[in-house]
Amino acid sequence: MGQVKSPVSRAAGGTPVALDIRGVSKHFGGTKALSEVSMRVRKGKVHALLGGNGSGKSTLIKVLAGVFPADSGTFSIATREYDSGQYSSSDAQASGLRFVHQDLGLFDDMSIEENFALDAGYPTGIGSKIRWKQLYNRVRDLLIAYEIDADPKTKIRSLRPSDRTMVAIARALQDQDADDLILVLDEPTSTLANHESSLLLEKVRRRADLGQTVILVSHRLQEVLSVAHDFTVFRDGEVAGTLIDAAPSEDELIELMAGRTIGALKPSGGVSHQASEEILRIHDLYSGPLKGINLAVNRGEIVGIAGLVGSGRSSLIKSIFGVLRPRQGSILFRGQPFEPSGVHQAMTAGVGLVPEDRGREAGFADLSVRDNLALGQLRENWVRGFMPRSRESSIARALIERFKVRVSGPEALFSSMSGGNQQKVILARWLQRSPTLLLLDEPTQGVDVMSRADIYAAIRVSVENGSAVIVASSDMSELHALCDRVVVVRNGQITDELDSSRIDIDLLNRLVLKDAS
């Protein structure tokens, strides 16, 4: 392992350094993932690790976790020093690094105490009999310490989203004094609604105030700014900047991440809805949790759907696309009754869908970028009984350039790309069809600010070319940036509607959370 004793280093002002990374580099073949990366994480602080998709931050996290070795560089963790080329996952565990990823690794149908025991082991007595009372008491004390208002016997699936993440955090830190551990949170809020993210991050900040060291990886810059003490920004595998005890603006962080200033994302101008052709009309729709939805969408218009998880916003998208069959009501598409029996019929009619879960519902991880793009135009590219690869590759290269996809080429595996570039490929697959109606469910979830700007630009071009767009999103800043009109869905019903002059992030949050328990 190459471990040696190392003196405790201190940052400016005498704060002890929990983790000191020096000169870490990593290449994958001829691709540089990390180049001479150095950063210091102060004990008892929240240190934000930021950067665009493909900037190298995920690679560094995997090196820290011992998933794969670095080419060069060293770590000092508390009083231990490691050669990063010989460092392993067991070293990560022994040194006190604990990781909570976006996929929490919890078992929904098991209780909180059972999830804790699966990680740390069940306490047993004579004859290996499980001491359930001892387990219950231990987990109860941890739930109190981590401000989780739940009984240890509560099933994971019944917890609110922020509490599920806190359970994963408490489970990761249960085996010893948390102050001696470094908690790495990798995109912990990417699937949470704004209010759930706020609840989680308030608890994380309080943990840091009590001495917990936290490395926070997130694309949500406003959230990061609300909780972090220190910031390290990656760009192209290198450290673009480090800010200690700082209060930067969002624009300053974006400039460090991108190497350029990102302009306002709000679409300019609007559309004359009265003069536009009506593309979609929904009347008295009952489907899934939806109860009597009425909505019209015009050509050249971006309509946002705001609502909590379970409110019905995603069900509305799926009902239009034919994934859910309505129990009652009607849908008119371009003035004609529209009852797609499935995805193929919806596609043939001119409707496209970018679903919420791109990994499971849209992307084919083991296929190339070319193949993923070709799936959108299979019939058009089929010539005399076979698929000309040269034509596929030519189209793929053009789409890669048009949508600014960062990838080595059309033959690269879809799974090899960052989340933002995967989302661009999925969007490109649909936009090459010039859909009359484009349905987007959480279109930039887990996507960095630069890719988000590219995705918004592509959506606006599609609208300018005559498409109508519906965007379901839990990100109020996204709805504010992108939409001409936003409707709020609560408990399966449209309760509010805001035109472009009234779309405001704070107002949207208040309307979405109204009457929420």
Protein backbone atom coordinates (compact mmCIF):
# COMPACT_ATOMS: atom_id res chain seq x y z
CA MET A 1 0.00 0.00 0.00
CA GLY A 2 3.00 2.30 0.44
CA GLN A 3 1.47 3.95 3.51
CA VAL A 4 3.74 6.11 5.68
CA LYS A 5 3.17 8.44 8.59
CA SER A 6 2.72 12.05 7.53
CA PRO A 7 2.58 15.19 9.68
CA VAL A 8 -0.84 16.84 9.93
CA SER A 9 -0.91 19.73 7.47
CA ARG A 10 -2.82 22.93 8.09
CA ALA A 11 -4.51 25.39 5.79
CA ALA A 12 -4.36 29.13 6.12
CA GLY A 13 -5.62 30.25 9.51
CA GLY A 14 -4.50 27.04 11.23
CA THR A 15 -7.41 24.84 10.16
CA PRO A 16 -6.28 21.18 9.99
CA VAL A 17 -6.27 19.59 6.53
CA ALA A 18 -8.25 16.35 6.37
CA LEU A 19 -7.23 15.46 2.79
CA ASP A 20 -4.26 16.75 0.81
CA ILE A 21 -4.08 15.67 -2.86
CA ARG A 22 -0.79 16.40 -4.62
CA GLY A 23 0.04 16.10 -8.30
CA VAL A 24 -2.48 13.39 -9.25
CA SER A 25 -2.61 12.49 -12.96
CA LYS A 26 -4.66 9.87 -14.81
CA HIS A 27 -4.84 8.90 -18.47
CA PHE A 28 -7.12 6.45 -20.24
CA GLY A 29 -5.18 5.45 -23.32
CA GLY A 30 -4.34 8.71 -25.06
CA THR A 31 -7.06 10.66 -23.22
CA LYS A 32 -6.01 12.91 -20.33
CA ALA A 33 -8.56 12.66 -17.50
CA LEU A 34 -6.51 14.34 -14.74
CA SER A 35 -3.34 16.39 -15.05
CA GLU A 36 -1.27 17.29 -11.98
CA VAL A 37 -4.35 17.85 -9.81
CA SER A 38 -3.75 19.21 -6.31
CA MET A 39 -6.33 20.26 -3.72
CA ARG A 40 -6.67 20.54 0.04
CA VAL A 41 -9.83 19.73 1.97
CA ARG A 42 -10.05 21.38 5.39
CA LYS A 43 -11.35 19.44 8.37
CA GLY A 44 -14.89 20.34 9.41
CA LYS A 45 -15.68 22.21 6.18
CA VAL A 46 -17.90 21.63 3.15
CA HIS A 47 -15.59 21.62 0.12
CA ALA A 48 -17.40 21.88 -3.22
CA LEU A 49 -15.83 20.04 -6.15
CA LEU A 50 -17.17 21.62 -9.33
CA GLY A 51 -16.70 21.31 -13.07
CA GLY A 52 -18.49 20.53 -16.27
CA ASN A 53 -19.25 17.02 -17.48
CA GLY A 54 -15.94 15.46 -18.51
CA SER A 55 -13.87 17.95 -16.49
CA GLY A 56 -12.27 15.20 -14.38
CA LYS A 57 -14.09 15.47 -11.06
CA SER A 58 -15.76 12.05 -11.38
CA THR A 59 -12.39 10.52 -12.25
CA LEU A 60 -10.85 12.03 -9.11
CA ILE A 61 -13.70 10.65 -6.97
CA LYS A 62 -13.12 7.17 -8.44
CA VAL A 63 -9.37 7.46 -7.77
CA LEU A 64 -10.11 8.50 -4.15
CA ALA A 65 -12.46 5.53 -3.81
CA GLY A 66 -9.77 3.16 -5.10
CA VAL A 67 -11.86 2.15 -8.11
CA PHE A 68 -8.78 2.53 -10.29
CA PRO A 69 -5.21 3.72 -9.65
CA ALA A 70 -3.80 7.05 -10.74
CA ASP A 71 -0.69 7.30 -12.92
CA SER A 72 1.12 9.54 -10.45
CA GLY A 73 0.63 11.67 -7.35
CA THR A 74 0.05 11.17 -3.62
CA PHE A 75 -2.70 11.59 -0.99
CA SER A 76 -2.33 12.60 2.62
CA ILE A 77 -5.42 11.61 4.60
CA ALA A 78 -5.17 12.69 8.24
CA THR A 79 -1.78 11.22 9.26
CA ARG A 80 -1.57 8.64 6.47
CA GLU A 81 0.13 9.13 3.13
CA TYR A 82 -0.56 7.01 0.05
CA ASP A 83 1.01 6.54 -3.34
CA SER A 84 -2.03 7.05 -5.62
CA GLY A 85 -0.77 4.35 -7.99
CA GLN A 86 -0.90 1.67 -5.28
CA TYR A 87 -3.94 2.96 -3.40
CA SER A 88 -6.93 0.60 -3.17
CA SER A 89 -10.56 0.57 -2.06
CA SER A 90 -9.52 -1.02 1.25
CA ASP A 91 -7.13 1.92 1.75
CA ALA A 92 -10.01 4.32 1.13
CA GLN A 93 -12.08 2.55 3.79
CA ALA A 94 -9.21 2.39 6.29
CA SER A 95 -8.31 6.05 5.81
CA GLY A 96 -11.83 7.20 6.67
CA LEU A 97 -13.25 8.13 3.26
CA ARG A 98 -16.97 7.38 2.98
CA PHE A 99 -18.95 7.75 -0.25
CA VAL A 100 -22.65 8.40 -0.86
CA HIS A 101 -23.52 8.36 -4.54
CA GLN A 102 -26.59 9.47 -6.48
CA ASP A 103 -27.72 5.83 -6.43
CA LEU A 104 -28.01 5.54 -2.66
CA GLY A 105 -27.74 1.75 -2.57
CA LEU A 106 -30.70 1.44 -0.18
CA PHE A 107 -33.25 -1.38 -0.29
CA ASP A 108 -36.69 0.26 -0.50
CA ASP A 109 -38.69 -2.71 0.82
CA MET A 110 -36.50 -3.16 3.88
CA SER A 111 -36.59 -1.15 7.08
CA ILE A 112 -34.07 1.53 8.03
CA GLU A 113 -32.53 -0.73 10.69
CA GLU A 114 -32.18 -3.60 8.23
CA ASN A 115 -30.42 -1.32 5.73
CA PHE A 116 -27.99 -0.27 8.48
CA ALA A 117 -27.39 -3.88 9.48
CA LEU A 118 -26.69 -4.99 5.92
CA ASP A 119 -23.81 -2.53 5.89
CA ALA A 120 -22.40 -2.95 9.41
CA GLY A 121 -23.67 -6.42 10.31
CA TYR A 122 -26.40 -7.64 12.63
CA PRO A 123 -25.61 -7.67 16.38
CA THR A 124 -25.83 -11.27 17.55
CA GLY A 125 -25.84 -13.17 20.82
CA ILE A 126 -25.69 -16.79 21.88
CA GLY A 127 -26.39 -19.13 19.00
CA SER A 128 -26.00 -16.28 16.49
CA LYS A 129 -29.46 -15.01 17.42
CA ILE A 130 -30.01 -11.46 16.18
CA ARG A 131 -30.32 -8.90 18.96
CA TRP A 132 -33.08 -6.83 17.43
CA LYS A 133 -33.49 -4.53 20.43
CA GLN A 134 -29.79 -3.65 20.38
CA LEU A 135 -29.98 -2.95 16.63
CA TYR A 136 -33.12 -0.86 17.11
CA ASN A 137 -31.56 1.25 19.87
CA ARG A 138 -28.34 1.81 17.95
CA VAL A 139 -30.15 2.91 14.79
CA ARG A 140 -32.59 5.04 16.78
CA ASP A 141 -29.68 6.95 18.33
CA LEU A 142 -28.13 7.49 14.88
CA LEU A 143 -31.42 8.76 13.45
CA ILE A 144 -31.67 11.28 16.27
CA ALA A 145 -28.06 12.37 15.79
CA TYR A 146 -28.62 12.90 12.06
CA GLU A 147 -31.97 14.69 12.52
CA ILE A 148 -34.00 12.02 10.73
CA ASP A 149 -37.57 11.99 12.00
CA ALA A 150 -38.36 8.31 11.53
CA ASP A 151 -38.60 5.05 13.44
CA PRO A 152 -35.89 2.44 12.74
CA LYS A 153 -38.58 0.01 11.60
CA THR A 154 -39.87 2.40 8.92
CA LYS A 155 -39.57 1.08 5.36
CA ILE A 156 -37.16 3.09 3.18
CA ARG A 157 -39.76 3.60 0.44
CA SER A 158 -42.03 5.51 2.82
CA LEU A 159 -39.39 8.16 3.62
CA ARG A 160 -39.31 11.55 1.95
CA PRO A 161 -36.47 11.85 -0.61
CA SER A 162 -34.18 14.06 1.50
CA ASP A 163 -34.50 11.67 4.46
CA ARG A 164 -33.55 8.71 2.26
CA THR A 165 -30.32 10.50 1.42
CA MET A 166 -29.72 11.34 5.09
CA VAL A 167 -30.25 7.66 5.96
CA ALA A 168 -27.58 6.76 3.38
CA ILE A 169 -25.26 9.36 4.94
CA ALA A 170 -25.88 8.11 8.50
CA ARG A 171 -25.34 4.52 7.34
CA ALA A 172 -22.02 5.46 5.68
CA LEU A 173 -20.79 7.17 8.85
CA GLN A 174 -22.12 4.70 11.43
CA ASP A 175 -18.96 2.66 12.02
CA GLN A 176 -16.86 5.22 13.92
CA ASP A 177 -16.71 8.82 15.12
CA ALA A 178 -17.96 10.82 12.14
CA ASP A 179 -15.53 13.66 12.89
CA ASP A 180 -12.68 11.32 11.91
CA LEU A 181 -14.30 10.51 8.56
CA ILE A 182 -14.47 12.37 5.25
CA LEU A 183 -17.91 12.21 3.66
CA VAL A 184 -17.96 12.39 -0.15
CA LEU A 185 -21.40 13.28 -1.55
CA ASP A 186 -21.56 12.68 -5.31
CA GLU A 187 -24.54 14.53 -6.81
CA PRO A 188 -26.76 13.94 -3.75
CA THR A 189 -29.49 16.36 -4.89
CA SER A 190 -29.64 15.67 -8.63
CA THR A 191 -32.94 13.78 -8.38
CA LEU A 192 -34.44 15.89 -5.58
CA ALA A 193 -36.95 18.69 -5.91
CA ASN A 194 -35.74 22.12 -4.79
CA HIS A 195 -37.34 22.04 -1.33
CA GLU A 196 -36.02 18.52 -0.66
CA SER A 197 -32.53 19.63 -1.70
CA SER A 198 -32.73 22.57 0.69
CA LEU A 199 -33.73 20.30 3.58
CA LEU A 200 -30.86 17.94 2.86
CA LEU A 201 -28.19 20.62 2.46
CA GLU A 202 -29.26 22.42 5.64
CA LYS A 203 -28.58 19.19 7.53
CA VAL A 204 -25.26 18.69 5.73
CA ARG A 205 -24.13 22.19 6.67
CA ARG A 206 -25.12 21.60 10.30
CA ARG A 207 -23.08 18.39 10.27
CA ALA A 208 -20.07 20.39 9.05
CA ASP A 209 -20.63 22.99 11.76
CA LEU A 210 -20.36 20.11 14.25
CA GLY A 211 -17.02 19.02 12.76
CA GLN A 212 -17.90 16.77 9.82
CA THR A 213 -15.65 17.07 6.74
CA VAL A 214 -17.62 16.97 3.49
CA ILE A 215 -16.66 16.92 -0.20
CA LEU A 216 -19.72 17.91 -2.22
CA VAL A 217 -19.98 17.23 -5.96
CA SER A 218 -22.95 18.96 -7.59
CA HIS A 219 -24.10 20.72 -10.75
CA ARG A 220 -26.60 22.87 -8.84
CA LEU A 221 -24.53 25.97 -8.27
CA GLN A 222 -27.09 27.92 -6.23
CA GLU A 223 -27.29 25.03 -3.77
CA VAL A 224 -23.51 24.73 -3.61
CA LEU A 225 -23.18 28.43 -2.86
CA SER A 226 -25.64 28.10 0.02
CA VAL A 227 -23.66 25.40 1.83
CA ALA A 228 -19.94 25.33 0.85
CA HIS A 229 -17.03 26.99 2.62
CA ASP A 230 -14.37 26.20 -0.01
CA PHE A 231 -14.46 25.54 -3.76
CA THR A 232 -12.23 23.70 -6.24
CA VAL A 233 -13.18 24.03 -9.91
CA PHE A 234 -12.01 21.57 -12.57
CA ARG A 235 -11.73 22.25 -16.28
CA ASP A 236 -10.32 19.80 -18.85
CA GLY A 237 -8.75 17.60 -16.19
CA GLU A 238 -6.96 20.43 -14.42
CA VAL A 239 -7.67 22.66 -11.44
CA ALA A 240 -9.00 25.90 -12.89
CA GLY A 241 -9.28 27.62 -9.52
CA THR A 242 -9.48 27.11 -5.76
CA LEU A 243 -11.40 29.45 -3.45
CA ILE A 244 -10.98 29.18 0.34
CA ASP A 245 -13.47 30.77 2.78
CA ALA A 246 -14.99 32.45 -0.25
CA ALA A 247 -18.40 33.75 -1.26
CA PRO A 248 -18.19 33.73 -5.08
CA SER A 249 -21.08 34.57 -7.33
CA GLU A 250 -22.64 31.98 -9.59
CA ASP A 251 -21.26 33.84 -12.61
CA GLU A 252 -17.71 33.67 -11.19
CA LEU A 253 -17.97 29.90 -10.76
CA ILE A 254 -19.40 29.48 -14.25
CA GLU A 255 -16.56 31.50 -15.72
CA LEU A 256 -14.01 29.27 -13.96
CA MET A 257 -15.82 26.11 -15.11
CA ALA A 258 -16.26 27.18 -18.70
CA GLY A 259 -13.29 29.45 -19.28
CA ARG A 260 -15.80 31.97 -20.61
CA THR A 261 -18.84 33.88 -19.41
CA ILE A 262 -22.15 32.10 -19.91
CA GLY A 263 -24.83 34.51 -21.17
CA ALA A 264 -28.35 34.64 -19.85
CA LEU A 265 -30.25 31.43 -20.52
CA LYS A 266 -33.67 33.06 -20.67
CA PRO A 267 -35.12 32.84 -24.20
CA SER A 268 -35.53 36.23 -25.79
CA GLY A 269 -38.91 37.38 -26.99
CA GLY A 270 -42.10 35.36 -26.97
CA VAL A 271 -44.76 34.07 -29.30
CA SER A 272 -48.20 35.29 -30.25
CA HIS A 273 -50.20 32.41 -28.86
CA GLN A 274 -53.43 33.68 -30.32
CA ALA A 275 -51.99 33.69 -33.83
CA SER A 276 -50.23 30.31 -33.54
CA GLU A 277 -51.62 26.99 -34.66
CA GLU A 278 -52.90 24.88 -31.79
CA ILE A 279 -50.88 21.66 -31.74
CA LEU A 280 -52.25 19.94 -28.66
CA ARG A 281 -55.47 20.18 -26.66
CA ILE A 282 -56.11 18.05 -23.59
CA HIS A 283 -59.66 17.96 -22.18
CA ASP A 284 -60.76 16.54 -18.81
CA LEU A 285 -57.91 13.99 -18.73
CA TYR A 286 -57.84 11.32 -16.01
CA SER A 287 -54.69 9.20 -16.19
CA GLY A 288 -52.56 7.82 -13.38
CA PRO A 289 -52.77 10.46 -10.61
CA LEU A 290 -54.16 13.10 -13.02
CA LYS A 291 -57.69 14.29 -12.33
CA GLY A 292 -59.42 16.40 -14.97
CA ILE A 293 -56.47 18.05 -16.71
CA ASN A 294 -57.20 20.73 -19.34
CA LEU A 295 -54.32 22.18 -21.36
CA ALA A 296 -53.65 23.64 -24.80
CA VAL A 297 -50.19 24.02 -26.41
CA ASN A 298 -49.44 26.05 -29.55
CA ARG A 299 -46.80 25.78 -32.23
CA GLY A 300 -43.67 27.76 -31.35
CA GLU A 301 -44.40 27.64 -27.62
CA ILE A 302 -42.52 26.14 -24.67
CA VAL A 303 -44.89 25.18 -21.86
CA GLY A 304 -43.49 24.15 -18.48
CA ILE A 305 -45.06 21.71 -16.03
CA ALA A 306 -44.07 22.37 -12.41
CA GLY A 307 -44.92 20.04 -9.55
CA LEU A 308 -43.61 17.81 -6.79
CA VAL A 309 -42.70 14.17 -7.33
CA GLY A 310 -46.00 12.29 -7.53
CA SER A 311 -48.02 15.37 -8.48
CA GLY A 312 -48.69 14.01 -11.95
CA ARG A 313 -46.26 16.07 -14.04
CA SER A 314 -44.48 13.00 -15.48
CA SER A 315 -47.78 11.14 -15.88
CA LEU A 316 -49.01 13.94 -18.13
CA ILE A 317 -45.97 13.53 -20.38
CA LYS A 318 -46.37 9.74 -20.50
CA SER A 319 -50.11 9.98 -21.22
CA ILE A 320 -49.51 12.17 -24.26
CA PHE A 321 -46.85 9.80 -25.57
CA GLY A 322 -48.98 6.69 -25.18
CA VAL A 323 -47.02 5.12 -22.33
CA LEU A 324 -50.00 5.57 -19.95
CA ARG A 325 -53.55 4.91 -21.12
CA PRO A 326 -56.04 7.55 -19.90
CA ARG A 327 -59.13 6.38 -18.01
CA GLN A 328 -61.18 9.34 -19.18
CA GLY A 329 -60.92 12.49 -21.27
CA SER A 330 -59.61 13.32 -24.72
CA ILE A 331 -56.43 14.47 -26.48
CA LEU A 332 -56.49 16.34 -29.78
CA PHE A 333 -53.26 16.51 -31.78
CA ARG A 334 -53.33 19.03 -34.64
CA GLY A 335 -57.13 19.08 -34.36
CA GLN A 336 -57.59 15.30 -34.63
CA PRO A 337 -58.36 12.75 -31.86
CA PHE A 338 -55.10 11.32 -30.60
CA GLU A 339 -55.03 7.97 -28.78
CA PRO A 340 -51.60 6.42 -29.44
CA SER A 341 -51.56 2.75 -28.58
CA GLY A 342 -47.83 2.93 -27.93
CA VAL A 343 -44.54 4.65 -28.57
CA HIS A 344 -44.30 3.78 -32.29
CA GLN A 345 -47.65 5.36 -33.09
CA ALA A 346 -46.75 8.52 -31.17
CA MET A 347 -43.42 8.76 -33.02
CA THR A 348 -45.08 8.26 -36.41
CA ALA A 349 -47.50 11.08 -35.61
CA GLY A 350 -44.62 13.48 -34.95
CA VAL A 351 -44.26 13.34 -31.15
CA GLY A 352 -40.88 12.90 -29.44
CA LEU A 353 -40.01 12.12 -25.80
CA VAL A 354 -36.83 12.65 -23.82
CA PRO A 355 -37.65 10.72 -20.61
CA GLU A 356 -36.54 11.45 -17.07
CA ASP A 357 -34.33 8.36 -16.71
CA ARG A 358 -32.06 8.46 -19.76
CA GLY A 359 -30.05 5.46 -18.54
CA ARG A 360 -32.99 3.07 -18.37
CA GLU A 361 -35.49 4.54 -20.82
CA ALA A 362 -33.54 6.25 -23.60
CA GLY A 363 -29.84 5.47 -23.88
CA PHE A 364 -28.32 2.16 -24.98
CA ALA A 365 -25.13 2.04 -22.94
CA ASP A 366 -23.42 -0.79 -24.82
CA LEU A 367 -24.10 0.64 -28.28
CA SER A 368 -22.07 3.29 -30.05
CA VAL A 369 -23.06 6.93 -30.33
CA ARG A 370 -23.73 6.27 -34.02
CA ASP A 371 -26.14 3.45 -33.22
CA ASN A 372 -27.92 5.49 -30.55
CA LEU A 373 -28.45 8.32 -33.03
CA ALA A 374 -29.51 5.98 -35.84
CA LEU A 375 -32.36 4.60 -33.74
CA GLY A 376 -34.24 7.83 -34.38
CA GLN A 377 -34.27 7.33 -38.17
CA LEU A 378 -34.09 3.58 -38.74
CA ARG A 379 -36.70 3.47 -41.51
CA GLU A 380 -35.24 6.49 -43.31
CA ASN A 381 -31.71 5.03 -43.29
CA TRP A 382 -32.75 1.53 -44.43
CA VAL A 383 -31.79 1.03 -48.10
CA ARG A 384 -32.74 -2.10 -50.10
CA GLY A 385 -32.85 -4.38 -47.07
CA PHE A 386 -29.75 -3.23 -45.22
CA MET A 387 -28.37 -0.29 -43.24
CA PRO A 388 -25.48 1.57 -44.94
CA ARG A 389 -22.95 2.20 -42.17
CA SER A 390 -21.30 4.99 -44.13
CA ARG A 391 -24.57 6.92 -44.26
CA GLU A 392 -25.16 6.32 -40.54
CA SER A 393 -21.67 7.52 -39.67
CA SER A 394 -21.98 10.62 -41.85
CA ILE A 395 -25.29 11.57 -40.22
CA ALA A 396 -23.87 10.87 -36.75
CA ARG A 397 -20.83 13.10 -37.34
CA ALA A 398 -23.08 15.93 -38.52
CA LEU A 399 -25.31 15.61 -35.44
CA ILE A 400 -22.31 15.43 -33.10
CA GLU A 401 -21.06 18.71 -34.53
CA ARG A 402 -24.48 20.37 -34.63
CA PHE A 403 -25.30 19.54 -31.00
CA LYS A 404 -21.77 20.11 -29.66
CA VAL A 405 -21.37 16.58 -28.33
CA ARG A 406 -17.94 16.07 -26.76
CA VAL A 407 -16.94 12.58 -27.86
CA SER A 408 -14.00 11.00 -29.68
CA GLY A 409 -16.22 9.99 -32.61
CA PRO A 410 -19.37 8.17 -33.74
CA GLU A 411 -17.95 4.77 -32.79
CA ALA A 412 -17.43 5.66 -29.14
CA LEU A 413 -19.66 3.83 -26.68
CA PHE A 414 -22.62 5.77 -25.38
CA SER A 415 -21.62 4.75 -21.84
CA SER A 416 -18.18 6.37 -22.24
CA MET A 417 -19.64 9.89 -22.35
CA SER A 418 -20.56 12.24 -19.51
CA GLY A 419 -24.21 12.67 -18.55
CA GLY A 420 -24.50 16.00 -20.35
CA ASN A 421 -23.19 14.58 -23.61
CA GLN A 422 -25.44 11.53 -23.32
CA GLN A 423 -28.41 13.87 -22.96
CA LYS A 424 -27.32 15.81 -26.05
CA VAL A 425 -27.25 12.57 -28.05
CA ILE A 426 -30.76 11.62 -26.92
CA LEU A 427 -32.06 15.09 -27.74
CA ALA A 428 -30.32 15.00 -31.13
CA ARG A 429 -31.94 11.62 -31.86
CA TRP A 430 -35.36 13.26 -31.58
CA LEU A 431 -34.63 16.66 -33.08
CA GLN A 432 -33.27 15.12 -36.30
CA ARG A 433 -36.89 13.99 -36.83
CA SER A 434 -38.14 17.62 -36.60
CA PRO A 435 -40.96 16.65 -34.20
CA THR A 436 -44.19 18.61 -34.20
CA LEU A 437 -44.41 18.12 -30.42
CA LEU A 438 -41.39 17.49 -28.19
CA LEU A 439 -41.94 16.19 -24.65
CA LEU A 440 -39.09 16.72 -22.16
CA ASP A 441 -39.07 15.20 -18.67
CA GLU A 442 -36.28 16.64 -16.47
CA PRO A 443 -34.19 17.47 -19.59
CA THR A 444 -31.07 18.68 -17.75
CA GLN A 445 -31.09 16.55 -14.61
CA GLY A 446 -27.46 15.90 -13.63
CA VAL A 447 -26.17 18.09 -16.48
CA ASP A 448 -23.50 20.77 -16.04
CA VAL A 449 -24.11 24.44 -16.76
CA MET A 450 -22.32 24.48 -20.14
CA SER A 451 -24.16 21.43 -21.49
CA ARG A 452 -27.38 22.90 -20.10
CA ALA A 453 -26.84 26.06 -22.13
CA ASP A 454 -26.25 23.98 -25.29
CA ILE A 455 -29.40 21.92 -24.62
CA TYR A 456 -31.52 25.03 -24.08
CA ALA A 457 -30.17 26.53 -27.30
CA ALA A 458 -31.08 23.37 -29.26
CA ILE A 459 -34.60 23.38 -27.80
CA ARG A 460 -35.11 27.04 -28.75
CA VAL A 461 -33.92 26.38 -32.32
CA SER A 462 -36.46 23.57 -32.55
CA VAL A 463 -39.20 25.94 -31.38
CA GLU A 464 -38.13 28.61 -33.85
CA ASN A 465 -38.45 25.95 -36.57
CA GLY A 466 -42.06 25.30 -35.60
CA SER A 467 -42.08 22.65 -32.86
CA ALA A 468 -44.18 22.88 -29.73
CA VAL A 469 -42.44 21.81 -26.51
CA ILE A 470 -43.65 20.66 -23.09
CA VAL A 471 -41.07 20.60 -20.28
CA ALA A 472 -41.76 18.80 -16.98
CA SER A 473 -39.16 19.81 -14.41
CA SER A 474 -38.55 20.02 -10.67
CA ASP A 475 -35.95 22.75 -11.31
CA MET A 476 -37.72 26.10 -11.07
CA SER A 477 -34.71 27.96 -12.45
CA GLU A 478 -34.95 25.77 -15.56
CA LEU A 479 -38.61 26.58 -16.05
CA HIS A 480 -37.85 30.25 -15.54
CA ALA A 481 -35.00 30.15 -18.05
CA LEU A 482 -36.72 28.18 -20.76
CA CYS A 483 -40.49 28.53 -20.78
CA ASP A 484 -43.03 30.93 -22.30
CA ARG A 485 -45.70 29.67 -19.92
CA VAL A 486 -45.74 27.44 -16.83
CA VAL A 487 -48.63 25.47 -15.32
CA VAL A 488 -48.43 24.15 -11.76
CA VAL A 489 -49.71 20.63 -11.05
CA ARG A 490 -50.65 19.71 -7.48
CA ASN A 491 -52.40 16.52 -6.47
CA GLY A 492 -53.13 15.63 -10.08
CA GLN A 493 -54.74 18.93 -11.03
CA ILE A 494 -53.56 22.15 -12.70
CA THR A 495 -53.89 24.73 -9.94
CA ASP A 496 -52.04 27.74 -11.36
CA GLU A 497 -50.80 29.13 -14.68
CA LEU A 498 -48.14 31.80 -15.19
CA ASP A 499 -47.39 33.58 -18.46
CA SER A 500 -43.86 34.75 -19.31
CA SER A 501 -44.30 38.08 -17.48
CA ARG A 502 -45.14 36.29 -14.20
CA ILE A 503 -42.70 33.36 -14.22
CA ASP A 504 -40.63 33.82 -11.08
CA ILE A 505 -38.54 31.19 -9.27
CA ASP A 506 -39.72 32.11 -5.77
CA LEU A 507 -43.35 32.30 -6.86
CA LEU A 508 -43.11 28.91 -8.59
CA ASN A 509 -41.64 27.35 -5.45
CA ARG A 510 -44.43 28.79 -3.31
CA LEU A 511 -47.12 27.55 -5.67
CA VAL A 512 -45.61 24.08 -5.97
CA LEU A 513 -45.23 23.71 -2.19
CA LYS A 514 -48.64 25.17 -1.32
CA ASP A 515 -50.62 22.77 0.90
CA ALA A 516 -47.67 20.32 0.90
CA SER A 517 -47.26 18.47 4.16
